[in-house]
Amino acid sequence: EVQLVESGGGLVQAGGSLRLSCAASGFTFDDVTIGWFRQAPGKNREGVSCISDSDGTVYYVDSVKGRFTISSDNAKNTALQMNNLKPEDTAVYYCAAFEVPDDFYDANAPAACGGKFDGRGYWGKGTLVTVSS
């Protein structure tokens, strides 16, 4: 059974930093793309950043480019370093892992963050990030 456990959320002032961590276990497939998603109150879920070790692709949503950095150790330990946080970053952040289909030949990370693999995904329970102004 795939399990994803997030940690590292909390309350921080605007301009501050937080580091989210995701510990993953139970993968029974080799081609894993993993990433971070967030959902703010009243808004749709958004793919923040995804990374694929198998094809080397990395994706960031435009609003976090230059501020957030994703890293992953074969999808087992994945971190999201968040710097220069803004109030609009306030949301519940979820770690998610996706099994990439064998017949998928495009870039994995943007596809995962864009919802292409939602039917083949595993999700953590989320961690709340609150950024005060």
Protein backbone atom coordinates (compact mmCIF):
# COMPACT_ATOMS: atom_id res chain seq x y z
CA GLU A 1 0.00 0.00 0.00
CA VAL A 2 1.39 3.37 -1.01
CA GLN A 3 1.59 5.81 1.88
CA LEU A 4 2.54 9.46 1.75
CA VAL A 5 3.07 11.47 4.93
CA GLU A 6 3.60 15.22 4.81
CA SER A 7 5.22 17.35 7.47
CA GLY A 8 6.58 20.86 7.87
CA GLY A 9 3.54 23.08 7.54
CA GLY A 10 2.83 25.92 9.92
CA LEU A 11 2.35 29.65 10.39
CA VAL A 12 4.91 32.05 8.99
CA GLN A 13 5.05 35.75 8.27
CA ALA A 14 5.19 37.04 4.71
CA GLY A 15 8.75 36.88 3.42
CA GLY A 16 9.57 33.89 5.58
CA SER A 17 10.43 30.31 4.65
CA LEU A 18 9.10 26.84 5.28
CA ARG A 19 10.28 23.41 4.19
CA LEU A 20 7.70 20.72 3.51
CA SER A 21 8.70 17.06 3.55
CA CYS A 22 6.96 13.99 2.17
CA ALA A 23 7.92 10.48 3.22
CA ALA A 24 6.67 7.88 0.75
CA SER A 25 6.57 4.11 0.99
CA GLY A 26 4.92 1.09 -0.57
CA PHE A 27 5.56 1.78 -4.24
CA THR A 28 5.07 -1.30 -6.40
CA PHE A 29 5.88 0.43 -9.66
CA ASP A 30 9.12 1.92 -10.95
CA ASP A 31 8.10 5.01 -12.91
CA VAL A 32 6.95 7.45 -10.22
CA THR A 33 6.35 11.14 -10.62
CA ILE A 34 5.84 12.95 -7.34
CA GLY A 35 4.80 16.46 -6.50
CA TRP A 36 3.12 19.02 -4.33
CA PHE A 37 -0.38 20.37 -4.79
CA ARG A 38 -2.26 22.95 -2.80
CA GLN A 39 -5.83 23.97 -2.21
CA ALA A 40 -6.82 27.28 -0.70
CA PRO A 41 -10.30 27.87 0.76
CA GLY A 42 -12.83 28.37 -2.01
CA LYS A 43 -10.32 27.60 -4.75
CA ASN A 44 -9.56 24.61 -6.95
CA ARG A 45 -6.63 22.35 -6.25
CA GLU A 46 -3.46 23.52 -7.99
CA GLY A 47 -0.33 21.65 -9.01
CA VAL A 48 2.53 23.61 -7.40
CA SER A 49 5.60 21.59 -8.32
CA CYS A 50 6.30 18.10 -9.63
CA ILE A 51 9.45 16.13 -10.30
CA SER A 52 10.24 12.94 -12.18
CA ASP A 53 13.47 11.04 -11.58
CA SER A 54 12.86 8.78 -14.59
CA ASP A 55 12.80 11.51 -17.24
CA GLY A 56 14.46 14.32 -15.28
CA THR A 57 11.65 16.81 -15.71
CA VAL A 58 10.67 19.39 -13.12
CA TYR A 59 7.63 21.66 -13.15
CA TYR A 60 6.73 24.77 -11.19
CA VAL A 61 3.54 26.77 -11.47
CA ASP A 62 4.36 30.32 -12.55
CA SER A 63 3.37 31.88 -9.24
CA VAL A 64 6.11 30.03 -7.31
CA LYS A 65 8.98 30.11 -9.81
CA GLY A 66 12.11 31.53 -8.23
CA ARG A 67 10.72 31.06 -4.71
CA PHE A 68 10.03 27.34 -4.32
CA THR A 69 12.43 24.44 -4.96
CA ILE A 70 11.47 20.77 -5.14
CA SER A 71 13.87 17.93 -4.46
CA SER A 72 13.40 14.19 -4.36
CA ASP A 73 15.35 11.05 -3.46
CA ASN A 74 13.86 8.49 -5.86
CA ALA A 75 10.41 9.71 -4.77
CA LYS A 76 10.88 8.24 -1.29
CA ASN A 77 11.75 11.52 0.38
CA THR A 78 10.51 14.63 -1.37
CA ALA A 79 10.88 18.17 -0.10
CA LEU A 80 9.51 21.53 -1.10
CA GLN A 81 11.62 24.48 0.06
CA MET A 82 9.43 27.57 0.10
CA ASN A 83 11.12 30.95 0.37
CA ASN A 84 9.76 34.49 0.27
CA LEU A 85 6.31 33.23 1.16
CA LYS A 86 3.31 35.39 0.37
CA PRO A 87 -0.17 35.45 1.91
CA GLU A 88 -1.54 34.00 -1.34
CA ASP A 89 0.55 30.86 -0.70
CA THR A 90 -1.76 30.04 2.21
CA ALA A 91 -3.33 26.65 1.55
CA VAL A 92 -3.36 22.99 2.50
CA TYR A 93 -0.42 21.40 0.72
CA TYR A 94 -0.65 17.79 -0.42
CA CYS A 95 2.06 15.41 -1.52
CA ALA A 96 1.01 13.14 -4.36
CA ALA A 97 2.67 10.33 -6.28
CA PHE A 98 1.66 9.09 -9.69
CA GLU A 99 2.32 5.95 -11.68
CA VAL A 100 3.26 7.02 -15.19
CA PRO A 101 1.67 4.86 -17.90
CA ASP A 102 4.04 2.81 -20.04
CA ASP A 103 2.65 4.40 -23.20
CA PHE A 104 3.15 8.00 -22.06
CA TYR A 105 5.98 9.68 -23.92
CA ASP A 106 5.65 13.35 -22.99
CA ALA A 107 7.31 15.16 -20.05
CA ASN A 108 6.19 13.52 -16.81
CA ALA A 109 6.38 16.40 -14.33
CA PRO A 110 4.21 18.96 -16.15
CA ALA A 111 1.70 16.23 -16.98
CA ALA A 112 1.44 15.13 -13.35
CA CYS A 113 0.99 18.66 -12.04
CA GLY A 114 -1.54 19.33 -14.78
CA GLY A 115 -3.75 16.46 -13.69
CA LYS A 116 -2.91 14.07 -16.51
CA PHE A 117 -2.33 11.14 -14.14
CA ASP A 118 -5.00 11.87 -11.53
CA GLY A 119 -6.57 8.47 -12.01
CA ARG A 120 -3.27 6.80 -11.12
CA GLY A 121 -2.39 8.91 -8.10
CA TYR A 122 -1.83 8.46 -4.40
CA TRP A 123 -2.31 11.35 -1.98
CA GLY A 124 -1.20 12.34 1.47
CA LYS A 125 -3.54 13.88 4.01
CA GLY A 126 -2.09 17.36 3.63
CA THR A 127 -0.35 19.93 5.78
CA LEU A 128 -1.58 23.47 6.37
CA VAL A 129 0.60 26.43 5.44
CA THR A 130 -0.55 29.82 6.67
CA VAL A 131 1.27 32.99 5.64
CA SER A 132 0.36 36.12 7.55
CA SER A 133 0.74 39.59 6.11
